[in-house]
Amino acid sequence: MTFSIVARSADGSTWGVAVASKFLAVGNAVPAAVAGVGAIATQANANVAYKGLALAHLDDGATAPIALQQLLEEDEERDHRQVGIVDVDGGAASHTGPACLPWAGGVTGDGYAIQGNILAGPEVVEAMERAWHDSAAEPDLARRLLAALTAGDAAGGDSRGRQSAALLVVREEAGYDGGDDIAVDLRVDDAGSLPDGNPITELARLLDLNDLYLTASTEEEKVPVTPELEAELEAFAAERGARDFQSWVGAENYEMRVARDLAWIDQRILTIVRAS
């Protein structure tokens, strides 16, 4: 009932899962990841306990194949399960139980596991794998995962239709203000009210917003704030009734992209200011 990709970034810093399904709130059931440990997708007749168990095995030093073996040995319903795991080193393992509804299957490679069940056919997994390889030059794991998911959907995806999708990416200190490791945690729980009914296109829109609001600026994006620019920014804020520019920044939720001491401002935020 689901297709997913579990992967690690090429530089070994980031792990994530992208998943879509004709199933309500697939992001609640399928994906889990811990920075510096690994990631898992549990689907078909999903055993949500696999998430904590697999990550514990990986944290104890198990490779993805060993962690998967331990999960299956302890589960009498293993024939109904589908699982993809990637470990800290990018080792990958995937399992499709013989009782999973067709089409069902998966592939693994260096740093990724792709799997799905009740799919339009094997072309879904094949398209996802091609998209993963074709995006090798993209440094952003979230973008690579989304590209693979989009390709799978275009190839037919879940044979029953579309309903939900999710994207989970972890990296050490990548969360809001560096307070946790959650770089991306986005979910479209039910696409029924969307104009195109496609949760993956909505996920792409949300990822753009995530990058703007919840991702820290790179050094290349930072524009030094000179006295002249500071005066411009303060005048802009005053015209909009804000106490000062930092108050405007906080009200607009741009605090990840403007220095607290106003030493720099993100180029995108400066463009927004000057276009207002």
C-alpha atoms as a PDB file:
ATOM      1  CA  MET A   1       0.000   0.000   0.000  1.00  0.00           C
ATOM      2  CA  THR A   2       3.083   2.211  -0.009  1.00  0.00           C
ATOM      3  CA  PHE A   3       6.283   3.142  -1.798  1.00  0.00           C
ATOM      4  CA  SER A   4       9.308   4.590  -0.027  1.00  0.00           C
ATOM      5  CA  ILE A   5      12.992   5.355  -0.193  1.00  0.00           C
ATOM      6  CA  VAL A   6      15.312   5.246   2.823  1.00  0.00           C
ATOM      7  CA  ALA A   7      18.750   6.753   2.278  1.00  0.00           C
ATOM      8  CA  ARG A   8      21.916   8.348   3.607  1.00  0.00           C
ATOM      9  CA  SER A   9      23.607  11.356   2.024  1.00  0.00           C
ATOM     10  CA  ALA A  10      26.809  10.797   0.068  1.00  0.00           C
ATOM     11  CA  ASP A  11      28.832  12.759   2.633  1.00  0.00           C
ATOM     12  CA  GLY A  12      27.566  10.544   5.457  1.00  0.00           C
ATOM     13  CA  SER A  13      26.037  13.392   7.467  1.00  0.00           C
ATOM     14  CA  THR A  14      22.315  12.951   6.832  1.00  0.00           C
ATOM     15  CA  TRP A  15      19.677  10.185   6.841  1.00  0.00           C
ATOM     16  CA  GLY A  16      16.091  10.276   5.681  1.00  0.00           C
ATOM     17  CA  VAL A  17      12.907   8.667   4.409  1.00  0.00           C
ATOM     18  CA  ALA A  18      10.402   9.722   1.756  1.00  0.00           C
ATOM     19  CA  VAL A  19       7.142   7.825   1.473  1.00  0.00           C
ATOM     20  CA  ALA A  20       3.755   8.017  -0.262  1.00  0.00           C
ATOM     21  CA  SER A  21       0.633   5.872  -0.082  1.00  0.00           C
ATOM     22  CA  LYS A  22      -3.088   5.472  -0.514  1.00  0.00           C
ATOM     23  CA  PHE A  23      -3.268   5.456   3.266  1.00  0.00           C
ATOM     24  CA  LEU A  24      -4.164   8.153   5.764  1.00  0.00           C
ATOM     25  CA  ALA A  25      -1.211   9.929   7.404  1.00  0.00           C
ATOM     26  CA  VAL A  26       1.485   7.587   6.129  1.00  0.00           C
ATOM     27  CA  GLY A  27       4.084   9.762   7.842  1.00  0.00           C
ATOM     28  CA  ASN A  28       2.714   8.645  11.196  1.00  0.00           C
ATOM     29  CA  ALA A  29       3.261   4.942  10.562  1.00  0.00           C
ATOM     30  CA  VAL A  30       6.149   4.374   8.174  1.00  0.00           C
ATOM     31  CA  PRO A  31       9.293   6.522   8.661  1.00  0.00           C
ATOM     32  CA  ALA A  32      11.775   6.884  11.494  1.00  0.00           C
ATOM     33  CA  ALA A  33      15.356   8.158  11.621  1.00  0.00           C
ATOM     34  CA  VAL A  34      18.007   9.210  14.112  1.00  0.00           C
ATOM     35  CA  ALA A  35      21.041  11.288  13.171  1.00  0.00           C
ATOM     36  CA  GLY A  36      24.269   9.347  13.438  1.00  0.00           C
ATOM     37  CA  VAL A  37      22.339   6.062  13.667  1.00  0.00           C
ATOM     38  CA  GLY A  38      20.256   5.409  10.549  1.00  0.00           C
ATOM     39  CA  ALA A  39      16.737   5.335   9.123  1.00  0.00           C
ATOM     40  CA  ILE A  40      13.899   2.878   8.513  1.00  0.00           C
ATOM     41  CA  ALA A  41      10.596   2.559   6.664  1.00  0.00           C
ATOM     42  CA  THR A  42       8.134  -0.089   7.872  1.00  0.00           C
ATOM     43  CA  GLN A  43       5.160  -0.732   5.587  1.00  0.00           C
ATOM     44  CA  ALA A  44       2.741  -3.251   4.003  1.00  0.00           C
ATOM     45  CA  ASN A  45       1.235  -4.715   7.195  1.00  0.00           C
ATOM     46  CA  ALA A  46       3.416  -2.225   9.023  1.00  0.00           C
ATOM     47  CA  ASN A  47       4.849  -3.166  12.374  1.00  0.00           C
ATOM     48  CA  VAL A  48       5.393   0.267  13.905  1.00  0.00           C
ATOM     49  CA  ALA A  49       7.419  -1.315  16.710  1.00  0.00           C
ATOM     50  CA  TYR A  50      10.077  -1.986  14.071  1.00  0.00           C
ATOM     51  CA  LYS A  51      11.004   1.696  14.129  1.00  0.00           C
ATOM     52  CA  GLY A  52      12.256   1.808  17.693  1.00  0.00           C
ATOM     53  CA  LEU A  53      13.636  -1.715  17.576  1.00  0.00           C
ATOM     54  CA  ALA A  54      15.594  -1.192  14.360  1.00  0.00           C
ATOM     55  CA  LEU A  55      17.080   2.102  15.492  1.00  0.00           C
ATOM     56  CA  ALA A  56      18.071   0.500  18.812  1.00  0.00           C
ATOM     57  CA  HIS A  57      19.801  -2.347  16.968  1.00  0.00           C
ATOM     58  CA  LEU A  58      21.605   0.142  14.728  1.00  0.00           C
ATOM     59  CA  ASP A  59      22.595   2.255  17.713  1.00  0.00           C
ATOM     60  CA  ASP A  60      24.079  -0.869  19.292  1.00  0.00           C
ATOM     61  CA  GLY A  61      26.309  -1.270  16.242  1.00  0.00           C
ATOM     62  CA  ALA A  62      24.302  -3.624  14.040  1.00  0.00           C
ATOM     63  CA  THR A  63      24.528  -3.161  10.287  1.00  0.00           C
ATOM     64  CA  ALA A  64      21.325  -2.710   8.297  1.00  0.00           C
ATOM     65  CA  PRO A  65      21.218  -6.378   7.195  1.00  0.00           C
ATOM     66  CA  ILE A  66      21.802  -7.608  10.743  1.00  0.00           C
ATOM     67  CA  ALA A  67      19.196  -5.233  12.178  1.00  0.00           C
ATOM     68  CA  LEU A  68      16.699  -6.440   9.584  1.00  0.00           C
ATOM     69  CA  GLN A  69      17.487 -10.074  10.350  1.00  0.00           C
ATOM     70  CA  GLN A  70      16.884  -9.443  14.059  1.00  0.00           C
ATOM     71  CA  LEU A  71      13.528  -7.797  13.346  1.00  0.00           C
ATOM     72  CA  LEU A  72      12.325 -10.636  11.158  1.00  0.00           C
ATOM     73  CA  GLU A  73      13.503 -13.411  13.454  1.00  0.00           C
ATOM     74  CA  GLU A  74      11.427 -11.959  16.279  1.00  0.00           C
ATOM     75  CA  ASP A  75       8.252 -11.423  14.209  1.00  0.00           C
ATOM     76  CA  GLU A  76       5.846 -14.250  13.372  1.00  0.00           C
ATOM     77  CA  GLU A  77       4.109 -11.944  10.866  1.00  0.00           C
ATOM     78  CA  ARG A  78       7.314 -11.328   8.900  1.00  0.00           C
ATOM     79  CA  ASP A  79       5.766 -12.647   5.679  1.00  0.00           C
ATOM     80  CA  HIS A  80       3.335  -9.710   5.709  1.00  0.00           C
ATOM     81  CA  ARG A  81       5.971  -7.037   6.364  1.00  0.00           C
ATOM     82  CA  GLN A  82       7.948  -4.785   4.096  1.00  0.00           C
ATOM     83  CA  VAL A  83      10.961  -2.924   5.476  1.00  0.00           C
ATOM     84  CA  GLY A  84      13.818  -0.744   4.256  1.00  0.00           C
ATOM     85  CA  ILE A  85      16.787   0.167   6.479  1.00  0.00           C
ATOM     86  CA  VAL A  86      19.935   2.246   5.999  1.00  0.00           C
ATOM     87  CA  ASP A  87      22.618   2.267   8.679  1.00  0.00           C
ATOM     88  CA  VAL A  88      25.169   4.832   9.859  1.00  0.00           C
ATOM     89  CA  ASP A  89      27.670   3.837   7.168  1.00  0.00           C
ATOM     90  CA  GLY A  90      25.147   3.772   4.329  1.00  0.00           C
ATOM     91  CA  GLY A  91      24.708   0.003   4.366  1.00  0.00           C
ATOM     92  CA  ALA A  92      21.216  -0.900   3.175  1.00  0.00           C
ATOM     93  CA  ALA A  93      18.754  -3.760   3.492  1.00  0.00           C
ATOM     94  CA  SER A  94      15.206  -4.317   2.251  1.00  0.00           C
ATOM     95  CA  HIS A  95      12.657  -7.051   2.915  1.00  0.00           C
ATOM     96  CA  THR A  96       9.416  -7.854   1.119  1.00  0.00           C
ATOM     97  CA  GLY A  97       7.474 -10.693   2.706  1.00  0.00           C
ATOM     98  CA  PRO A  98       5.929 -13.253   0.332  1.00  0.00           C
ATOM     99  CA  ALA A  99       2.452 -12.431   1.642  1.00  0.00           C
ATOM    100  CA  CYS A 100       2.672  -8.743   0.663  1.00  0.00           C
ATOM    101  CA  LEU A 101       0.094  -7.807  -1.963  1.00  0.00           C
ATOM    102  CA  PRO A 102       1.426  -7.456  -5.513  1.00  0.00           C
ATOM    103  CA  TRP A 103       3.119  -5.773  -7.112  1.00  0.00           C
ATOM    104  CA  ALA A 104       5.595  -5.776  -4.239  1.00  0.00           C
ATOM    105  CA  GLY A 105       9.368  -5.651  -4.157  1.00  0.00           C
ATOM    106  CA  GLY A 106      12.427  -3.559  -3.531  1.00  0.00           C
ATOM    107  CA  VAL A 107      16.026  -2.766  -4.438  1.00  0.00           C
ATOM    108  CA  THR A 108      19.075  -1.687  -2.476  1.00  0.00           C
ATOM    109  CA  GLY A 109      22.361  -0.032  -3.301  1.00  0.00           C
ATOM    110  CA  ASP A 110      25.096   2.002  -1.720  1.00  0.00           C
ATOM    111  CA  GLY A 111      23.282   4.268   0.723  1.00  0.00           C
ATOM    112  CA  TYR A 112      19.677   3.509  -0.234  1.00  0.00           C
ATOM    113  CA  ALA A 113      16.804   1.057   0.069  1.00  0.00           C
ATOM    114  CA  ILE A 114      13.707   1.444  -2.130  1.00  0.00           C
ATOM    115  CA  GLN A 115      10.561  -0.661  -1.681  1.00  0.00           C
ATOM    116  CA  GLY A 116       6.850  -0.699  -2.369  1.00  0.00           C
ATOM    117  CA  ASN A 117       3.737  -2.838  -2.353  1.00  0.00           C
ATOM    118  CA  ILE A 118       0.368  -2.753  -4.139  1.00  0.00           C
ATOM    119  CA  LEU A 119       2.205  -0.789  -6.814  1.00  0.00           C
ATOM    120  CA  ALA A 120       1.371  -0.270 -10.472  1.00  0.00           C
ATOM    121  CA  GLY A 121       4.352  -2.526 -11.206  1.00  0.00           C
ATOM    122  CA  PRO A 122       8.111  -2.926 -10.871  1.00  0.00           C
ATOM    123  CA  GLU A 123       8.541   0.218 -12.971  1.00  0.00           C
ATOM    124  CA  VAL A 124       7.729   2.285  -9.871  1.00  0.00           C
ATOM    125  CA  VAL A 125      10.754   1.057  -7.942  1.00  0.00           C
ATOM    126  CA  GLU A 126      12.895   1.164 -11.094  1.00  0.00           C
ATOM    127  CA  ALA A 127      11.965   4.804 -11.736  1.00  0.00           C
ATOM    128  CA  MET A 128      12.753   5.720  -8.148  1.00  0.00           C
ATOM    129  CA  GLU A 129      16.170   4.099  -8.366  1.00  0.00           C
ATOM    130  CA  ARG A 130      16.961   5.912 -11.643  1.00  0.00           C
ATOM    131  CA  ALA A 131      15.915   9.236 -10.149  1.00  0.00           C
ATOM    132  CA  TRP A 132      18.091   8.609  -7.114  1.00  0.00           C
ATOM    133  CA  HIS A 133      21.145   7.992  -9.270  1.00  0.00           C
ATOM    134  CA  ASP A 134      20.326  10.871 -11.636  1.00  0.00           C
ATOM    135  CA  SER A 135      20.272  13.302  -8.684  1.00  0.00           C
ATOM    136  CA  ALA A 136      23.725  12.312  -7.432  1.00  0.00           C
ATOM    137  CA  ALA A 137      25.058  15.856  -7.927  1.00  0.00           C
ATOM    138  CA  GLU A 138      22.362  17.315  -5.630  1.00  0.00           C
ATOM    139  CA  PRO A 139      23.860  17.893  -2.158  1.00  0.00           C
ATOM    140  CA  ASP A 140      20.491  18.172  -0.382  1.00  0.00           C
ATOM    141  CA  LEU A 141      19.271  14.724   0.698  1.00  0.00           C
ATOM    142  CA  ALA A 142      15.698  15.961   1.097  1.00  0.00           C
ATOM    143  CA  ARG A 143      15.660  17.051  -2.557  1.00  0.00           C
ATOM    144  CA  ARG A 144      17.067  13.711  -3.696  1.00  0.00           C
ATOM    145  CA  LEU A 145      14.479  11.774  -1.693  1.00  0.00           C
ATOM    146  CA  LEU A 146      11.681  13.927  -3.070  1.00  0.00           C
ATOM    147  CA  ALA A 147      12.959  13.452  -6.627  1.00  0.00           C
ATOM    148  CA  ALA A 148      12.849   9.683  -6.195  1.00  0.00           C
ATOM    149  CA  LEU A 149       9.353   9.801  -4.704  1.00  0.00           C
ATOM    150  CA  THR A 150       8.128  12.027  -7.533  1.00  0.00           C
ATOM    151  CA  ALA A 151       9.545   9.633 -10.110  1.00  0.00           C
ATOM    152  CA  GLY A 152       7.822   6.693  -8.469  1.00  0.00           C
ATOM    153  CA  ASP A 153       4.517   8.525  -8.512  1.00  0.00           C
ATOM    154  CA  ALA A 154       4.942   9.432 -12.181  1.00  0.00           C
ATOM    155  CA  ALA A 155       5.575   5.756 -12.938  1.00  0.00           C
ATOM    156  CA  GLY A 156       2.248   4.747 -11.441  1.00  0.00           C
ATOM    157  CA  GLY A 157       2.902   4.727  -7.702  1.00  0.00           C
ATOM    158  CA  ASP A 158       0.337   3.065  -5.469  1.00  0.00           C
ATOM    159  CA  SER A 159      -2.082   1.242  -7.776  1.00  0.00           C
ATOM    160  CA  ARG A 160      -5.037   2.283  -5.590  1.00  0.00           C
ATOM    161  CA  GLY A 161      -4.370   6.000  -5.930  1.00  0.00           C
ATOM    162  CA  ARG A 162      -2.969   8.828  -3.818  1.00  0.00           C
ATOM    163  CA  GLN A 163      -3.715  10.021  -0.313  1.00  0.00           C
ATOM    164  CA  SER A 164      -0.690  10.944   1.809  1.00  0.00           C
ATOM    165  CA  ALA A 165       3.050  11.504   1.701  1.00  0.00           C
ATOM    166  CA  ALA A 166       5.832  12.370   4.121  1.00  0.00           C
ATOM    167  CA  LEU A 167       9.463  13.419   4.213  1.00  0.00           C
ATOM    168  CA  LEU A 168      11.729  12.958   7.242  1.00  0.00           C
ATOM    169  CA  VAL A 169      15.402  14.013   7.214  1.00  0.00           C
ATOM    170  CA  VAL A 170      17.815  14.145  10.149  1.00  0.00           C
ATOM    171  CA  ARG A 171      21.267  15.626  10.602  1.00  0.00           C
ATOM    172  CA  GLU A 172      23.070  16.599  13.784  1.00  0.00           C
ATOM    173  CA  GLU A 173      21.978  20.046  15.029  1.00  0.00           C
ATOM    174  CA  ALA A 174      20.016  20.680  11.818  1.00  0.00           C
ATOM    175  CA  GLY A 175      16.746  21.484  13.592  1.00  0.00           C
ATOM    176  CA  TYR A 176      15.211  24.810  14.515  1.00  0.00           C
ATOM    177  CA  ASP A 177      17.926  27.082  15.908  1.00  0.00           C
ATOM    178  CA  GLY A 178      20.179  24.018  16.213  1.00  0.00           C
ATOM    179  CA  GLY A 179      18.093  22.668  19.068  1.00  0.00           C
ATOM    180  CA  ASP A 180      17.576  19.174  17.659  1.00  0.00           C
ATOM    181  CA  ASP A 181      18.510  17.008  14.672  1.00  0.00           C
ATOM    182  CA  ILE A 182      15.289  17.240  12.627  1.00  0.00           C
ATOM    183  CA  ALA A 183      16.207  18.937   9.349  1.00  0.00           C
ATOM    184  CA  VAL A 184      12.853  18.144   7.667  1.00  0.00           C
ATOM    185  CA  ASP A 185       9.674  16.634   9.088  1.00  0.00           C
ATOM    186  CA  LEU A 186       6.844  17.286   6.623  1.00  0.00           C
ATOM    187  CA  ARG A 187       3.586  15.412   6.162  1.00  0.00           C
ATOM    188  CA  VAL A 188       0.579  15.642   3.876  1.00  0.00           C
ATOM    189  CA  ASP A 189      -1.894  13.464   5.728  1.00  0.00           C
ATOM    190  CA  ASP A 190      -4.839  13.564   3.308  1.00  0.00           C
ATOM    191  CA  ALA A 191      -4.648  15.093  -0.158  1.00  0.00           C
ATOM    192  CA  GLY A 192      -8.373  14.923  -0.779  1.00  0.00           C
ATOM    193  CA  SER A 193      -8.833  18.677  -0.437  1.00  0.00           C
ATOM    194  CA  LEU A 194      -5.885  19.601  -2.658  1.00  0.00           C
ATOM    195  CA  PRO A 195      -6.705  20.946  -6.146  1.00  0.00           C
ATOM    196  CA  ASP A 196      -4.722  18.202  -7.890  1.00  0.00           C
ATOM    197  CA  GLY A 197      -5.211  15.571  -5.195  1.00  0.00           C
ATOM    198  CA  ASN A 198      -1.476  14.879  -5.215  1.00  0.00           C
ATOM    199  CA  PRO A 199       0.255  14.786  -1.823  1.00  0.00           C
ATOM    200  CA  ILE A 200       3.721  14.692  -3.395  1.00  0.00           C
ATOM    201  CA  THR A 201       3.399  18.020  -5.196  1.00  0.00           C
ATOM    202  CA  GLU A 202       2.132  19.500  -1.941  1.00  0.00           C
ATOM    203  CA  LEU A 203       5.125  17.985  -0.148  1.00  0.00           C
ATOM    204  CA  ALA A 204       7.395  19.760  -2.654  1.00  0.00           C
ATOM    205  CA  ARG A 205       5.693  23.079  -1.888  1.00  0.00           C
ATOM    206  CA  LEU A 206       6.113  22.513   1.831  1.00  0.00           C
ATOM    207  CA  LEU A 207       9.783  21.651   1.384  1.00  0.00           C
ATOM    208  CA  ASP A 208      10.361  25.034  -0.273  1.00  0.00           C
ATOM    209  CA  LEU A 209       8.751  26.716   2.733  1.00  0.00           C
ATOM    210  CA  ASN A 210      10.765  24.554   5.118  1.00  0.00           C
ATOM    211  CA  ASP A 211      13.957  25.706   3.446  1.00  0.00           C
ATOM    212  CA  LEU A 212      12.961  29.353   3.798  1.00  0.00           C
ATOM    213  CA  TYR A 213      11.667  29.323   7.367  1.00  0.00           C
ATOM    214  CA  LEU A 214      13.385  26.436   9.129  1.00  0.00           C
ATOM    215  CA  THR A 215      16.782  26.095   7.466  1.00  0.00           C
ATOM    216  CA  ALA A 216      19.781  28.171   8.490  1.00  0.00           C
ATOM    217  CA  SER A 217      21.421  30.421   5.900  1.00  0.00           C
ATOM    218  CA  THR A 218      24.613  29.261   4.260  1.00  0.00           C
ATOM    219  CA  GLU A 219      27.646  31.530   4.254  1.00  0.00           C
ATOM    220  CA  GLU A 220      27.028  32.244   0.573  1.00  0.00           C
ATOM    221  CA  GLU A 221      23.494  33.468   1.336  1.00  0.00           C
ATOM    222  CA  LYS A 222      24.553  35.938   4.031  1.00  0.00           C
ATOM    223  CA  VAL A 223      24.724  39.643   3.127  1.00  0.00           C
ATOM    224  CA  PRO A 224      26.748  41.770   5.599  1.00  0.00           C
ATOM    225  CA  VAL A 225      24.650  44.540   7.119  1.00  0.00           C
ATOM    226  CA  THR A 226      26.415  47.878   6.714  1.00  0.00           C
ATOM    227  CA  PRO A 227      25.281  50.992   8.634  1.00  0.00           C
ATOM    228  CA  GLU A 228      23.501  52.136   5.482  1.00  0.00           C
ATOM    229  CA  LEU A 229      21.695  48.816   5.064  1.00  0.00           C
ATOM    230  CA  GLU A 230      20.761  48.762   8.745  1.00  0.00           C
ATOM    231  CA  ALA A 231      19.177  52.181   8.373  1.00  0.00           C
ATOM    232  CA  GLU A 232      17.235  50.911   5.358  1.00  0.00           C
ATOM    233  CA  LEU A 233      16.005  47.866   7.280  1.00  0.00           C
ATOM    234  CA  GLU A 234      14.968  49.862  10.336  1.00  0.00           C
ATOM    235  CA  ALA A 235      13.093  52.345   8.146  1.00  0.00           C
ATOM    236  CA  PHE A 236      11.336  49.444   6.444  1.00  0.00           C
ATOM    237  CA  ALA A 237      10.265  48.015   9.800  1.00  0.00           C
ATOM    238  CA  ALA A 238       9.057  51.388  11.090  1.00  0.00           C
ATOM    239  CA  GLU A 239       6.912  51.874   7.992  1.00  0.00           C
ATOM    240  CA  ARG A 240       5.159  48.620   8.874  1.00  0.00           C
ATOM    241  CA  GLY A 241       4.553  49.534  12.476  1.00  0.00           C
ATOM    242  CA  ALA A 242       7.191  47.225  13.944  1.00  0.00           C
ATOM    243  CA  ARG A 243       9.208  48.257  17.016  1.00  0.00           C
ATOM    244  CA  ASP A 244      12.415  47.555  15.099  1.00  0.00           C
ATOM    245  CA  PHE A 245      13.650  45.328  12.294  1.00  0.00           C
ATOM    246  CA  GLN A 246      14.280  42.339  14.557  1.00  0.00           C
ATOM    247  CA  SER A 247      10.686  42.554  15.767  1.00  0.00           C
ATOM    248  CA  TRP A 248       9.527  42.415  12.148  1.00  0.00           C
ATOM    249  CA  VAL A 249      11.821  39.427  11.562  1.00  0.00           C
ATOM    250  CA  GLY A 250      10.306  37.578  14.520  1.00  0.00           C
ATOM    251  CA  ALA A 251       6.747  38.365  13.476  1.00  0.00           C
ATOM    252  CA  GLU A 252       7.418  37.048   9.974  1.00  0.00           C
ATOM    253  CA  ASN A 253       9.231  33.932  11.272  1.00  0.00           C
ATOM    254  CA  TYR A 254      12.490  34.718   9.476  1.00  0.00           C
ATOM    255  CA  GLU A 255      14.712  34.419  12.547  1.00  0.00           C
ATOM    256  CA  MET A 256      16.693  31.532  11.050  1.00  0.00           C
ATOM    257  CA  ARG A 257      17.784  33.866   8.257  1.00  0.00           C
ATOM    258  CA  VAL A 258      18.758  37.057  10.018  1.00  0.00           C
ATOM    259  CA  ALA A 259      21.571  37.341  12.574  1.00  0.00           C
ATOM    260  CA  ARG A 260      20.397  38.195  16.074  1.00  0.00           C
ATOM    261  CA  ASP A 261      22.887  41.078  16.176  1.00  0.00           C
ATOM    262  CA  LEU A 262      21.915  42.071  12.625  1.00  0.00           C
ATOM    263  CA  ALA A 263      25.448  41.447  11.403  1.00  0.00           C
ATOM    264  CA  TRP A 264      24.003  39.811   8.287  1.00  0.00           C
ATOM    265  CA  ILE A 265      20.730  39.190   6.495  1.00  0.00           C
ATOM    266  CA  ASP A 266      19.888  36.374   4.125  1.00  0.00           C
ATOM    267  CA  GLN A 267      19.782  37.447   0.485  1.00  0.00           C
ATOM    268  CA  ARG A 268      16.284  36.005   0.091  1.00  0.00           C
ATOM    269  CA  ILE A 269      14.974  38.029   3.021  1.00  0.00           C
ATOM    270  CA  LEU A 270      16.639  41.164   1.702  1.00  0.00           C
ATOM    271  CA  THR A 271      14.948  40.551  -1.638  1.00  0.00           C
ATOM    272  CA  ILE A 272      11.592  40.183   0.120  1.00  0.00           C
ATOM    273  CA  VAL A 273      12.174  43.448   2.003  1.00  0.00           C
ATOM    274  CA  ARG A 274      13.090  45.390  -1.118  1.00  0.00           C
ATOM    275  CA  ALA A 275      10.197  43.948  -3.087  1.00  0.00           C
ATOM    276  CA  SER A 276       7.640  44.956  -0.460  1.00  0.00           C
END
